Amino acid sequence: GAHHFSLGFGTHYCLGQALARLEARVML
């Protein structure tokens, strides 16, 4: 439940956030 700002927020929320999370998850 902790919303951080590391991927932006609002209009400029990171377009590739799902891909970044996928890559990081699989690598870990």
PDB file of all heavy atoms in Angstrom:
ATOM      1  N   GLY A   1       0.793  -1.224   0.000  1.00  0.00           N
ATOM      2  CA  GLY A   1       0.000   0.000   0.000  1.00  0.00           C
ATOM      3  C   GLY A   1       0.824   1.273   0.000  1.00  0.00           C
ATOM      4  O   GLY A   1       0.318   2.344   0.345  1.00  0.00           O
ATOM      5  N   ALA A   2       2.092   1.177  -0.383  1.00  0.00           N
ATOM      6  CA  ALA A   2       2.962   2.356  -0.359  1.00  0.00           C
ATOM      7  C   ALA A   2       3.155   2.873  -1.775  1.00  0.00           C
ATOM      8  O   ALA A   2       3.866   2.271  -2.576  1.00  0.00           O
ATOM      9  CB  ALA A   2       4.307   1.996   0.271  1.00  0.00           C
ATOM     10  N   HIS A   3       2.508   3.980  -2.097  1.00  0.00           N
ATOM     11  CA  HIS A   3       2.654   4.555  -3.433  1.00  0.00           C
ATOM     12  C   HIS A   3       3.887   5.450  -3.472  1.00  0.00           C
ATOM     13  O   HIS A   3       3.965   6.445  -2.753  1.00  0.00           O
ATOM     14  CB  HIS A   3       1.428   5.365  -3.827  1.00  0.00           C
ATOM     15  CG  HIS A   3       1.618   6.067  -5.140  1.00  0.00           C
ATOM     16  ND1 HIS A   3       1.495   5.412  -6.346  1.00  0.00           N
ATOM     17  CD2 HIS A   3       1.982   7.343  -5.431  1.00  0.00           C
ATOM     18  CE1 HIS A   3       1.754   6.266  -7.332  1.00  0.00           C
ATOM     19  NE2 HIS A   3       2.054   7.434  -6.799  1.00  0.00           N
ATOM     20  N   HIS A   4       4.855   5.089  -4.285  1.00  0.00           N
ATOM     21  CA  HIS A   4       6.064   5.902  -4.428  1.00  0.00           C
ATOM     22  C   HIS A   4       6.004   6.687  -5.736  1.00  0.00           C
ATOM     23  O   HIS A   4       5.135   6.467  -6.585  1.00  0.00           O
ATOM     24  CB  HIS A   4       7.310   5.010  -4.393  1.00  0.00           C
ATOM     25  CG  HIS A   4       7.341   3.971  -5.468  1.00  0.00           C
ATOM     26  ND1 HIS A   4       7.638   4.268  -6.785  1.00  0.00           N
ATOM     27  CD2 HIS A   4       7.103   2.626  -5.449  1.00  0.00           C
ATOM     28  CE1 HIS A   4       7.597   3.175  -7.512  1.00  0.00           C
ATOM     29  NE2 HIS A   4       7.260   2.162  -6.730  1.00  0.00           N
ATOM     30  N   PHE A   5       6.956   7.598  -5.909  1.00  0.00           N
ATOM     31  CA  PHE A   5       6.999   8.454  -7.086  1.00  0.00           C
ATOM     32  C   PHE A   5       8.146   8.103  -8.035  1.00  0.00           C
ATOM     33  O   PHE A   5       8.452   8.888  -8.935  1.00  0.00           O
ATOM     34  CB  PHE A   5       7.152   9.924  -6.663  1.00  0.00           C
ATOM     35  CG  PHE A   5       5.957  10.489  -5.958  1.00  0.00           C
ATOM     36  CD1 PHE A   5       6.035  10.868  -4.630  1.00  0.00           C
ATOM     37  CD2 PHE A   5       4.750  10.662  -6.628  1.00  0.00           C
ATOM     38  CE1 PHE A   5       4.940  11.405  -3.976  1.00  0.00           C
ATOM     39  CE2 PHE A   5       3.646  11.198  -5.983  1.00  0.00           C
ATOM     40  CZ  PHE A   5       3.743  11.566  -4.650  1.00  0.00           C
ATOM     41  N   SER A   6       8.786   6.971  -7.836  1.00  0.00           N
ATOM     42  CA  SER A   6       9.986   6.651  -8.610  1.00  0.00           C
ATOM     43  C   SER A   6       9.699   6.389 -10.080  1.00  0.00           C
ATOM     44  O   SER A   6      10.620   6.423 -10.902  1.00  0.00           O
ATOM     45  CB  SER A   6      10.698   5.445  -7.990  1.00  0.00           C
ATOM     46  OG  SER A   6      11.106   5.740  -6.677  1.00  0.00           O
ATOM     47  N   LEU A   7       8.451   6.122 -10.414  1.00  0.00           N
ATOM     48  CA  LEU A   7       8.059   5.943 -11.819  1.00  0.00           C
ATOM     49  C   LEU A   7       7.202   7.108 -12.300  1.00  0.00           C
ATOM     50  O   LEU A   7       6.505   7.003 -13.307  1.00  0.00           O
ATOM     51  CB  LEU A   7       7.312   4.616 -11.987  1.00  0.00           C
ATOM     52  CG  LEU A   7       8.141   3.358 -11.689  1.00  0.00           C
ATOM     53  CD1 LEU A   7       7.254   2.119 -11.641  1.00  0.00           C
ATOM     54  CD2 LEU A   7       9.242   3.181 -12.715  1.00  0.00           C
ATOM     55  N   GLY A   8       7.294   8.220 -11.589  1.00  0.00           N
ATOM     56  CA  GLY A   8       6.508   9.383 -11.951  1.00  0.00           C
ATOM     57  C   GLY A   8       5.112   9.325 -11.361  1.00  0.00           C
ATOM     58  O   GLY A   8       4.786   8.471 -10.527  1.00  0.00           O
ATOM     59  N   PHE A   9       4.275  10.244 -11.813  1.00  0.00           N
ATOM     60  CA  PHE A   9       2.899  10.317 -11.306  1.00  0.00           C
ATOM     61  C   PHE A   9       2.095  11.200 -12.254  1.00  0.00           C
ATOM     62  O   PHE A   9       2.633  12.101 -12.889  1.00  0.00           O
ATOM     63  CB  PHE A   9       2.887  10.905  -9.886  1.00  0.00           C
ATOM     64  CG  PHE A   9       1.546  10.839  -9.204  1.00  0.00           C
ATOM     65  CD1 PHE A   9       0.998   9.616  -8.845  1.00  0.00           C
ATOM     66  CD2 PHE A   9       0.826  11.992  -8.932  1.00  0.00           C
ATOM     67  CE1 PHE A   9      -0.239   9.543  -8.214  1.00  0.00           C
ATOM     68  CE2 PHE A   9      -0.405  11.938  -8.304  1.00  0.00           C
ATOM     69  CZ  PHE A   9      -0.937  10.700  -7.945  1.00  0.00           C
ATOM     70  N   GLY A  10       0.813  10.926 -12.358  1.00  0.00           N
ATOM     71  CA  GLY A  10      -0.048  11.762 -13.180  1.00  0.00           C
ATOM     72  C   GLY A  10       0.207  11.551 -14.663  1.00  0.00           C
ATOM     73  O   GLY A  10       0.472  10.434 -15.130  1.00  0.00           O
ATOM     74  N   THR A  11       0.149  12.641 -15.422  1.00  0.00           N
ATOM     75  CA  THR A  11       0.251  12.590 -16.873  1.00  0.00           C
ATOM     76  C   THR A  11       1.528  11.908 -17.344  1.00  0.00           C
ATOM     77  O   THR A  11       1.533  11.193 -18.344  1.00  0.00           O
ATOM     78  CB  THR A  11       0.195  14.019 -17.454  1.00  0.00           C
ATOM     79  OG1 THR A  11      -1.027  14.625 -17.052  1.00  0.00           O
ATOM     80  CG2 THR A  11       0.260  13.987 -18.975  1.00  0.00           C
ATOM     81  N   HIS A  12       2.623  12.123 -16.618  1.00  0.00           N
ATOM     82  CA  HIS A  12       3.919  11.610 -17.043  1.00  0.00           C
ATOM     83  C   HIS A  12       4.304  10.309 -16.339  1.00  0.00           C
ATOM     84  O   HIS A  12       5.491   9.980 -16.250  1.00  0.00           O
ATOM     85  CB  HIS A  12       5.001  12.665 -16.821  1.00  0.00           C
ATOM     86  CG  HIS A  12       4.955  13.777 -17.828  1.00  0.00           C
ATOM     87  ND1 HIS A  12       4.119  14.853 -17.692  1.00  0.00           N
ATOM     88  CD2 HIS A  12       5.622  13.961 -19.000  1.00  0.00           C
ATOM     89  CE1 HIS A  12       4.287  15.679 -18.723  1.00  0.00           C
ATOM     90  NE2 HIS A  12       5.182  15.149 -19.527  1.00  0.00           N
ATOM     91  N   TYR A  13       3.318   9.583 -15.846  1.00  0.00           N
ATOM     92  CA  TYR A  13       3.625   8.288 -15.248  1.00  0.00           C
ATOM     93  C   TYR A  13       4.339   7.414 -16.283  1.00  0.00           C
ATOM     94  O   TYR A  13       3.966   7.395 -17.454  1.00  0.00           O
ATOM     95  CB  TYR A  13       2.341   7.603 -14.783  1.00  0.00           C
ATOM     96  CG  TYR A  13       2.556   6.349 -13.974  1.00  0.00           C
ATOM     97  CD1 TYR A  13       3.244   6.387 -12.774  1.00  0.00           C
ATOM     98  CD2 TYR A  13       2.072   5.120 -14.406  1.00  0.00           C
ATOM     99  CE1 TYR A  13       3.443   5.243 -12.019  1.00  0.00           C
ATOM    100  CE2 TYR A  13       2.261   3.968 -13.667  1.00  0.00           C
ATOM    101  CZ  TYR A  13       2.956   4.033 -12.469  1.00  0.00           C
ATOM    102  OH  TYR A  13       3.159   2.883 -11.728  1.00  0.00           O
ATOM    103  N   CYS A  14       5.388   6.730 -15.854  1.00  0.00           N
ATOM    104  CA  CYS A  14       6.275   6.003 -16.763  1.00  0.00           C
ATOM    105  C   CYS A  14       5.501   5.075 -17.703  1.00  0.00           C
ATOM    106  O   CYS A  14       4.813   4.148 -17.257  1.00  0.00           O
ATOM    107  CB  CYS A  14       7.284   5.198 -15.965  1.00  0.00           C
ATOM    108  SG  CYS A  14       8.385   4.191 -16.986  1.00  0.00           S
ATOM    109  N   LEU A  15       5.638   5.315 -18.999  1.00  0.00           N
ATOM    110  CA  LEU A  15       4.924   4.531 -20.005  1.00  0.00           C
ATOM    111  C   LEU A  15       5.383   3.071 -19.997  1.00  0.00           C
ATOM    112  O   LEU A  15       4.591   2.162 -20.248  1.00  0.00           O
ATOM    113  CB  LEU A  15       5.150   5.152 -21.382  1.00  0.00           C
ATOM    114  CG  LEU A  15       4.378   4.555 -22.560  1.00  0.00           C
ATOM    115  CD1 LEU A  15       2.880   4.702 -22.351  1.00  0.00           C
ATOM    116  CD2 LEU A  15       4.798   5.248 -23.853  1.00  0.00           C
ATOM    117  N   GLY A  16       6.666   2.847 -19.721  1.00  0.00           N
ATOM    118  CA  GLY A  16       7.210   1.495 -19.737  1.00  0.00           C
ATOM    119  C   GLY A  16       7.295   0.838 -18.382  1.00  0.00           C
ATOM    120  O   GLY A  16       8.048  -0.127 -18.202  1.00  0.00           O
ATOM    121  N   GLN A  17       6.487   1.315 -17.415  1.00  0.00           N
ATOM    122  CA  GLN A  17       6.606   0.789 -16.046  1.00  0.00           C
ATOM    123  C   GLN A  17       6.314  -0.710 -15.957  1.00  0.00           C
ATOM    124  O   GLN A  17       6.969  -1.431 -15.209  1.00  0.00           O
ATOM    125  CB  GLN A  17       5.713   1.583 -15.085  1.00  0.00           C
ATOM    126  CG  GLN A  17       4.245   1.642 -15.446  1.00  0.00           C
ATOM    127  CD  GLN A  17       3.455   0.441 -14.975  1.00  0.00           C
ATOM    128  OE1 GLN A  17       3.864  -0.259 -14.044  1.00  0.00           O
ATOM    129  NE2 GLN A  17       2.322   0.174 -15.625  1.00  0.00           N
ATOM    130  N   ALA A  18       5.348  -1.199 -16.725  1.00  0.00           N
ATOM    131  CA  ALA A  18       5.038  -2.633 -16.673  1.00  0.00           C
ATOM    132  C   ALA A  18       6.206  -3.461 -17.192  1.00  0.00           C
ATOM    133  O   ALA A  18       6.527  -4.525 -16.647  1.00  0.00           O
ATOM    134  CB  ALA A  18       3.778  -2.930 -17.480  1.00  0.00           C
ATOM    135  N   LEU A  19       6.865  -2.972 -18.232  1.00  0.00           N
ATOM    136  CA  LEU A  19       8.023  -3.674 -18.773  1.00  0.00           C
ATOM    137  C   LEU A  19       9.183  -3.639 -17.792  1.00  0.00           C
ATOM    138  O   LEU A  19       9.854  -4.654 -17.585  1.00  0.00           O
ATOM    139  CB  LEU A  19       8.439  -3.041 -20.104  1.00  0.00           C
ATOM    140  CG  LEU A  19       9.656  -3.668 -20.792  1.00  0.00           C
ATOM    141  CD1 LEU A  19       9.407  -5.136 -21.098  1.00  0.00           C
ATOM    142  CD2 LEU A  19       9.995  -2.898 -22.068  1.00  0.00           C
ATOM    143  N   ALA A  20       9.430  -2.500 -17.169  1.00  0.00           N
ATOM    144  CA  ALA A  20      10.515  -2.393 -16.190  1.00  0.00           C
ATOM    145  C   ALA A  20      10.289  -3.338 -15.015  1.00  0.00           C
ATOM    146  O   ALA A  20      11.214  -4.017 -14.553  1.00  0.00           O
ATOM    147  CB  ALA A  20      10.631  -0.959 -15.696  1.00  0.00           C
ATOM    148  N   ARG A  21       9.045  -3.390 -14.544  1.00  0.00           N
ATOM    149  CA  ARG A  21       8.732  -4.291 -13.426  1.00  0.00           C
ATOM    150  C   ARG A  21       8.905  -5.753 -13.837  1.00  0.00           C
ATOM    151  O   ARG A  21       9.400  -6.576 -13.059  1.00  0.00           O
ATOM    152  CB  ARG A  21       7.307  -4.041 -12.944  1.00  0.00           C
ATOM    153  CG  ARG A  21       7.131  -2.767 -12.121  1.00  0.00           C
ATOM    154  CD  ARG A  21       5.712  -2.693 -11.566  1.00  0.00           C
ATOM    155  NE  ARG A  21       5.585  -1.702 -10.517  1.00  0.00           N
ATOM    156  CZ  ARG A  21       5.035  -0.508 -10.679  1.00  0.00           C
ATOM    157  NH1 ARG A  21       4.575  -0.150 -11.874  1.00  0.00           N
ATOM    158  NH2 ARG A  21       4.932   0.333  -9.665  1.00  0.00           N
ATOM    159  N   LEU A  22       8.483  -6.081 -15.061  1.00  0.00           N
ATOM    160  CA  LEU A  22       8.631  -7.450 -15.547  1.00  0.00           C
ATOM    161  C   LEU A  22      10.103  -7.832 -15.622  1.00  0.00           C
ATOM    162  O   LEU A  22      10.503  -8.904 -15.145  1.00  0.00           O
ATOM    163  CB  LEU A  22       7.982  -7.587 -16.921  1.00  0.00           C
ATOM    164  CG  LEU A  22       8.232  -8.911 -17.661  1.00  0.00           C
ATOM    165  CD1 LEU A  22       7.595 -10.065 -16.905  1.00  0.00           C
ATOM    166  CD2 LEU A  22       7.704  -8.832 -19.094  1.00  0.00           C
ATOM    167  N   GLU A  23      10.928  -6.988 -16.231  1.00  0.00           N
ATOM    168  CA  GLU A  23      12.347  -7.295 -16.352  1.00  0.00           C
ATOM    169  C   GLU A  23      12.991  -7.473 -14.982  1.00  0.00           C
ATOM    170  O   GLU A  23      13.749  -8.431 -14.757  1.00  0.00           O
ATOM    171  CB  GLU A  23      13.061  -6.172 -17.105  1.00  0.00           C
ATOM    172  CG  GLU A  23      12.715  -6.088 -18.569  1.00  0.00           C
ATOM    173  CD  GLU A  23      13.423  -4.929 -19.230  1.00  0.00           C
ATOM    174  OE1 GLU A  23      14.578  -5.119 -19.667  1.00  0.00           O
ATOM    175  OE2 GLU A  23      12.848  -3.832 -19.317  1.00  0.00           O
ATOM    176  N   ALA A  24      12.710  -6.550 -14.059  1.00  0.00           N
ATOM    177  CA  ALA A  24      13.313  -6.625 -12.728  1.00  0.00           C
ATOM    178  C   ALA A  24      12.856  -7.878 -11.995  1.00  0.00           C
ATOM    179  O   ALA A  24      13.662  -8.565 -11.339  1.00  0.00           O
ATOM    180  CB  ALA A  24      12.959  -5.379 -11.924  1.00  0.00           C
ATOM    181  N   ARG A  25      11.562  -8.197 -12.098  1.00  0.00           N
ATOM    182  CA  ARG A  25      11.056  -9.397 -11.416  1.00  0.00           C
ATOM    183  C   ARG A  25      11.729 -10.659 -11.933  1.00  0.00           C
ATOM    184  O   ARG A  25      12.212 -11.487 -11.146  1.00  0.00           O
ATOM    185  CB  ARG A  25       9.540  -9.500 -11.599  1.00  0.00           C
ATOM    186  CG  ARG A  25       8.959 -10.832 -11.103  1.00  0.00           C
ATOM    187  CD  ARG A  25       7.466 -10.883 -11.211  1.00  0.00           C
ATOM    188  NE  ARG A  25       6.953 -10.831 -12.563  1.00  0.00           N
ATOM    189  CZ  ARG A  25       6.889 -11.894 -13.384  1.00  0.00           C
ATOM    190  NH1 ARG A  25       7.366 -13.073 -12.992  1.00  0.00           N
ATOM    191  NH2 ARG A  25       6.363 -11.776 -14.591  1.00  0.00           N
ATOM    192  N   VAL A  26      11.787 -10.808 -13.257  1.00  0.00           N
ATOM    193  CA  VAL A  26      12.362 -12.026 -13.824  1.00  0.00           C
ATOM    194  C   VAL A  26      13.854 -12.112 -13.510  1.00  0.00           C
ATOM    195  O   VAL A  26      14.356 -13.188 -13.160  1.00  0.00           O
ATOM    196  CB  VAL A  26      12.113 -12.076 -15.342  1.00  0.00           C
ATOM    197  CG1 VAL A  26      12.852 -13.259 -15.963  1.00  0.00           C
ATOM    198  CG2 VAL A  26      10.616 -12.185 -15.626  1.00  0.00           C
ATOM    199  N   MET A  27      14.561 -11.005 -13.607  1.00  0.00           N
ATOM    200  CA  MET A  27      15.992 -11.036 -13.292  1.00  0.00           C
ATOM    201  C   MET A  27      16.229 -11.452 -11.841  1.00  0.00           C
ATOM    202  O   MET A  27      17.123 -12.260 -11.552  1.00  0.00           O
ATOM    203  CB  MET A  27      16.633  -9.680 -13.569  1.00  0.00           C
ATOM    204  CG  MET A  27      16.968  -9.456 -15.032  1.00  0.00           C
ATOM    205  SD  MET A  27      18.023  -7.997 -15.310  1.00  0.00           S
ATOM    206  CE  MET A  27      16.767  -6.726 -15.448  1.00  0.00           C
ATOM    207  N   LEU A  28      15.428 -10.919 -10.915  1.00  0.00           N
ATOM    208  CA  LEU A  28      15.595 -11.286  -9.513  1.00  0.00           C
ATOM    209  C   LEU A  28      15.199 -12.736  -9.262  1.00  0.00           C
ATOM    210  O   LEU A  28      15.853 -13.443  -8.480  1.00  0.00           O
ATOM    211  CB  LEU A  28      14.788 -10.347  -8.621  1.00  0.00           C
ATOM    212  CG  LEU A  28      15.369  -8.939  -8.439  1.00  0.00           C
ATOM    213  CD1 LEU A  28      14.445  -8.094  -7.578  1.00  0.00           C
ATOM    214  CD2 LEU A  28      16.754  -9.010  -7.804  1.00  0.00           C
TER     215      LEU A  28
END
